[in-house]
N, C-alpha and C. Protein backbone atom coordinates (compact mmCIF):
# COMPACT_ATOMS: atom_id res chain seq x y z
N UNK A 1 0.86 -1.16 0.00
CA UNK A 1 0.00 0.00 0.00
C UNK A 1 0.90 1.23 0.00
N UNK A 2 0.63 2.16 -0.87
CA UNK A 2 1.39 3.41 -0.92
C UNK A 2 0.43 4.57 -0.76
N UNK A 3 0.77 5.47 0.17
CA UNK A 3 -0.04 6.65 0.44
C UNK A 3 0.82 7.90 0.32
N UNK A 4 0.17 9.04 0.14
CA UNK A 4 0.84 10.33 0.19
C UNK A 4 0.65 10.92 1.58
N UNK A 5 1.56 11.78 2.00
CA UNK A 5 1.43 12.46 3.29
C UNK A 5 0.02 13.02 3.47
N UNK A 6 -0.57 12.77 4.63
CA UNK A 6 -1.89 13.30 4.95
C UNK A 6 -3.06 12.51 4.39
N UNK A 7 -2.80 11.51 3.57
CA UNK A 7 -3.86 10.71 2.96
C UNK A 7 -4.38 9.67 3.95
N UNK A 8 -5.66 9.34 3.86
CA UNK A 8 -6.26 8.31 4.72
C UNK A 8 -5.91 6.93 4.20
N UNK A 9 -5.58 6.04 5.13
CA UNK A 9 -5.31 4.65 4.79
C UNK A 9 -6.29 3.75 5.50
N UNK A 10 -6.78 2.75 4.81
CA UNK A 10 -7.75 1.83 5.37
C UNK A 10 -7.44 0.43 4.87
N UNK A 11 -7.20 -0.50 5.80
CA UNK A 11 -6.94 -1.89 5.46
C UNK A 11 -7.97 -2.73 6.19
N UNK A 12 -8.74 -3.50 5.43
CA UNK A 12 -9.78 -4.36 6.00
C UNK A 12 -9.30 -5.80 5.91
N UNK A 13 -9.29 -6.49 7.06
CA UNK A 13 -8.86 -7.88 7.10
C UNK A 13 -10.07 -8.80 7.01
N UNK A 14 -9.92 -9.86 6.23
CA UNK A 14 -10.96 -10.88 6.10
C UNK A 14 -10.32 -12.25 6.29
N UNK A 15 -11.12 -13.22 6.65
CA UNK A 15 -10.61 -14.57 6.85
C UNK A 15 -11.73 -15.46 7.32
N UNK A 16 -11.37 -16.50 8.04
CA UNK A 16 -12.35 -17.44 8.58
C UNK A 16 -13.33 -16.69 9.49
N UNK A 17 -14.64 -16.93 9.34
CA UNK A 17 -15.60 -16.26 10.22
C UNK A 17 -15.25 -16.47 11.69
N UNK A 18 -15.32 -15.39 12.48
CA UNK A 18 -15.03 -15.44 13.91
C UNK A 18 -13.57 -15.17 14.25
N UNK A 19 -12.74 -14.96 13.23
CA UNK A 19 -11.32 -14.71 13.46
C UNK A 19 -11.10 -13.26 13.88
N UNK A 20 -10.18 -13.04 14.82
CA UNK A 20 -9.75 -11.70 15.18
C UNK A 20 -8.35 -11.49 14.62
N UNK A 21 -7.98 -10.23 14.45
CA UNK A 21 -6.70 -9.91 13.82
C UNK A 21 -5.94 -8.92 14.69
N UNK A 22 -4.73 -9.30 15.09
CA UNK A 22 -3.83 -8.41 15.83
C UNK A 22 -2.68 -8.06 14.90
N UNK A 23 -2.26 -6.79 14.93
CA UNK A 23 -1.19 -6.37 14.03
C UNK A 23 -0.13 -5.56 14.78
N UNK A 24 1.08 -5.57 14.21
CA UNK A 24 2.18 -4.76 14.71
C UNK A 24 2.76 -3.97 13.54
N UNK A 25 3.36 -2.82 13.88
CA UNK A 25 3.94 -1.92 12.91
C UNK A 25 5.36 -1.60 13.36
N UNK A 26 6.35 -1.78 12.48
CA UNK A 26 7.74 -1.54 12.88
C UNK A 26 8.25 -0.13 12.60
N UNK A 27 7.38 0.77 12.11
CA UNK A 27 7.81 2.15 11.84
C UNK A 27 6.65 3.12 12.07
N UNK A 28 6.55 3.65 13.28
CA UNK A 28 5.44 4.56 13.61
C UNK A 28 5.56 5.92 12.93
N UNK A 29 6.68 6.19 12.25
CA UNK A 29 6.84 7.46 11.53
C UNK A 29 5.83 7.61 10.40
N UNK A 30 5.17 6.53 9.99
CA UNK A 30 4.15 6.64 8.94
C UNK A 30 2.85 7.21 9.47
N UNK A 31 2.72 7.29 10.81
CA UNK A 31 1.49 7.83 11.41
C UNK A 31 0.58 6.76 11.97
N UNK A 32 1.01 5.50 11.95
CA UNK A 32 0.22 4.38 12.46
C UNK A 32 0.84 3.93 13.79
N UNK A 33 -0.02 3.58 14.74
CA UNK A 33 0.45 3.11 16.05
C UNK A 33 1.35 1.88 15.90
N UNK A 34 2.09 1.55 16.95
CA UNK A 34 3.01 0.40 16.93
C UNK A 34 2.27 -0.93 16.91
N UNK A 35 1.04 -0.95 17.40
CA UNK A 35 0.27 -2.20 17.39
C UNK A 35 -1.21 -1.89 17.54
N UNK A 36 -2.02 -2.88 17.24
CA UNK A 36 -3.46 -2.72 17.37
C UNK A 36 -4.16 -4.01 17.01
N UNK A 37 -5.49 -3.94 16.98
CA UNK A 37 -6.27 -5.11 16.59
C UNK A 37 -7.41 -4.66 15.69
N UNK A 38 -7.89 -5.59 14.90
CA UNK A 38 -8.96 -5.27 13.96
C UNK A 38 -8.41 -4.58 12.72
N UNK A 39 -9.31 -3.96 11.96
CA UNK A 39 -8.92 -3.28 10.73
C UNK A 39 -8.04 -2.08 11.04
N UNK A 40 -7.29 -1.64 10.05
CA UNK A 40 -6.42 -0.48 10.19
C UNK A 40 -7.07 0.70 9.48
N UNK A 41 -7.19 1.81 10.21
CA UNK A 41 -7.72 3.05 9.65
C UNK A 41 -6.91 4.18 10.26
N UNK A 42 -6.13 4.90 9.44
CA UNK A 42 -5.28 5.97 9.97
C UNK A 42 -5.04 7.02 8.90
N UNK A 43 -4.52 8.15 9.33
CA UNK A 43 -4.10 9.22 8.42
C UNK A 43 -2.58 9.22 8.37
N UNK A 44 -2.03 9.12 7.17
CA UNK A 44 -0.59 9.08 7.00
C UNK A 44 0.05 10.36 7.53
N UNK A 45 1.20 10.22 8.17
CA UNK A 45 1.94 11.36 8.71
C UNK A 45 2.43 12.24 7.57
N UNK A 46 2.69 13.51 7.90
CA UNK A 46 3.32 14.41 6.93
C UNK A 46 4.82 14.19 7.01
N UNK A 47 5.33 13.42 6.07
CA UNK A 47 6.74 13.05 6.07
C UNK A 47 7.52 13.92 5.09
N UNK A 48 8.83 14.08 5.33
CA UNK A 48 9.68 14.85 4.43
C UNK A 48 10.50 13.94 3.53
N UNK A 49 10.54 12.65 3.85
CA UNK A 49 11.21 11.63 3.04
C UNK A 49 10.33 10.39 3.08
N UNK A 50 10.45 9.53 2.09
CA UNK A 50 9.65 8.31 2.04
C UNK A 50 9.90 7.45 3.27
N UNK A 51 8.83 7.00 3.90
CA UNK A 51 8.89 6.11 5.07
C UNK A 51 8.16 4.81 4.71
N UNK A 52 8.76 3.68 5.05
CA UNK A 52 8.14 2.38 4.79
C UNK A 52 8.05 1.60 6.09
N UNK A 53 6.89 1.00 6.32
CA UNK A 53 6.66 0.20 7.53
C UNK A 53 6.26 -1.20 7.13
N UNK A 54 6.71 -2.17 7.92
CA UNK A 54 6.28 -3.56 7.77
C UNK A 54 5.19 -3.82 8.79
N UNK A 55 4.04 -4.25 8.30
CA UNK A 55 2.90 -4.55 9.15
C UNK A 55 2.74 -6.07 9.19
N UNK A 56 2.73 -6.64 10.39
CA UNK A 56 2.54 -8.09 10.54
C UNK A 56 1.20 -8.32 11.21
N UNK A 57 0.36 -9.12 10.56
CA UNK A 57 -0.99 -9.41 11.05
C UNK A 57 -1.05 -10.88 11.46
N UNK A 58 -1.54 -11.12 12.68
CA UNK A 58 -1.69 -12.49 13.17
C UNK A 58 -3.17 -12.78 13.42
N UNK A 59 -3.73 -13.79 12.72
CA UNK A 59 -5.13 -14.15 12.95
C UNK A 59 -5.25 -15.12 14.12
N UNK A 60 -6.31 -14.93 14.90
CA UNK A 60 -6.57 -15.82 16.03
C UNK A 60 -8.05 -16.16 16.06
N UNK A 61 -8.32 -17.44 16.34
CA UNK A 61 -9.70 -17.88 16.54
C UNK A 61 -9.71 -18.82 17.73
N UNK A 62 -10.40 -18.39 18.79
CA UNK A 62 -10.38 -19.18 20.02
C UNK A 62 -8.96 -19.23 20.55
N UNK A 63 -8.45 -20.43 20.81
CA UNK A 63 -7.08 -20.57 21.29
C UNK A 63 -6.10 -20.89 20.16
N UNK A 64 -6.58 -20.87 18.93
CA UNK A 64 -5.72 -21.21 17.78
C UNK A 64 -5.22 -19.94 17.10
N UNK A 65 -3.90 -19.90 16.89
CA UNK A 65 -3.27 -18.78 16.20
C UNK A 65 -2.84 -19.24 14.82
N UNK A 66 -3.23 -18.47 13.81
CA UNK A 66 -2.85 -18.80 12.44
C UNK A 66 -1.51 -18.20 12.08
N UNK A 67 -1.00 -18.54 10.91
CA UNK A 67 0.29 -18.00 10.48
C UNK A 67 0.20 -16.50 10.23
N UNK A 68 1.21 -15.74 10.69
CA UNK A 68 1.20 -14.29 10.46
C UNK A 68 1.45 -13.96 8.99
N UNK A 69 0.93 -12.82 8.58
CA UNK A 69 1.12 -12.31 7.22
C UNK A 69 1.71 -10.91 7.35
N UNK A 70 2.71 -10.61 6.53
CA UNK A 70 3.35 -9.29 6.57
C UNK A 70 3.15 -8.58 5.24
N UNK A 71 2.87 -7.28 5.32
CA UNK A 71 2.78 -6.42 4.13
C UNK A 71 3.39 -5.07 4.48
N UNK A 72 3.60 -4.23 3.48
CA UNK A 72 4.21 -2.94 3.72
C UNK A 72 3.23 -1.80 3.44
N UNK A 73 3.44 -0.72 4.19
CA UNK A 73 2.76 0.54 3.91
C UNK A 73 3.87 1.57 3.71
N UNK A 74 3.84 2.24 2.57
CA UNK A 74 4.82 3.28 2.24
C UNK A 74 4.10 4.62 2.21
N UNK A 75 4.70 5.62 2.87
CA UNK A 75 4.16 6.97 2.85
C UNK A 75 5.18 7.86 2.16
N UNK A 76 4.74 8.50 1.07
CA UNK A 76 5.59 9.40 0.30
C UNK A 76 5.30 10.85 0.67
N UNK A 77 6.33 11.70 0.67
CA UNK A 77 6.09 13.12 0.93
C UNK A 77 5.35 13.76 -0.24
N UNK A 78 4.68 14.87 0.04
CA UNK A 78 4.02 15.60 -1.03
C UNK A 78 5.07 16.29 -1.89
N UNK A 79 4.87 16.28 -3.21
CA UNK A 79 5.85 16.96 -4.08
C UNK A 79 5.77 18.47 -3.88
N UNK A 80 6.92 19.12 -4.00
CA UNK A 80 7.00 20.56 -3.82
C UNK A 80 7.76 21.14 -5.01
N UNK A 81 7.54 22.42 -5.25
CA UNK A 81 8.32 23.15 -6.26
C UNK A 81 8.86 24.40 -5.59
N UNK A 82 10.12 24.72 -5.89
CA UNK A 82 10.70 25.96 -5.39
C UNK A 82 10.15 27.11 -6.21
N UNK A 83 9.86 28.21 -5.53
CA UNK A 83 9.36 29.41 -6.21
C UNK A 83 10.50 29.98 -7.05
N UNK A 84 10.30 30.06 -8.38
CA UNK A 84 11.38 30.56 -9.21
C UNK A 84 11.60 32.06 -8.98
N UNK A 85 12.83 32.52 -9.23
CA UNK A 85 13.15 33.93 -9.11
C UNK A 85 12.45 34.71 -10.21
N UNK A 86 12.13 35.95 -9.92
CA UNK A 86 11.53 36.82 -10.93
C UNK A 86 12.54 37.10 -12.03
N UNK A 87 12.08 37.12 -13.27
CA UNK A 87 12.94 37.39 -14.42
C UNK A 87 12.67 38.81 -14.88
N UNK A 88 13.70 39.58 -15.04
CA UNK A 88 13.53 40.98 -15.45
C UNK A 88 13.42 41.09 -16.94
């Protein structure tokens, strides 16, 4: 998933009915908490350089834990232009 600074991000997890999803984030500079549960809904941070985070999601149902899945979220800075000098 790639977002621009300030853009909303939404990740919906699906799987076996009744499954819960816990996730971790290895780079909070993107604007997402270090961990959570359920779907992910956040606003990307205003970054000055590209930031990439690895998100690991672990499904659980009852006392059974499924294999974790990892994906990335990349947040790119907004493009800027320098104000050109006036030409005489």
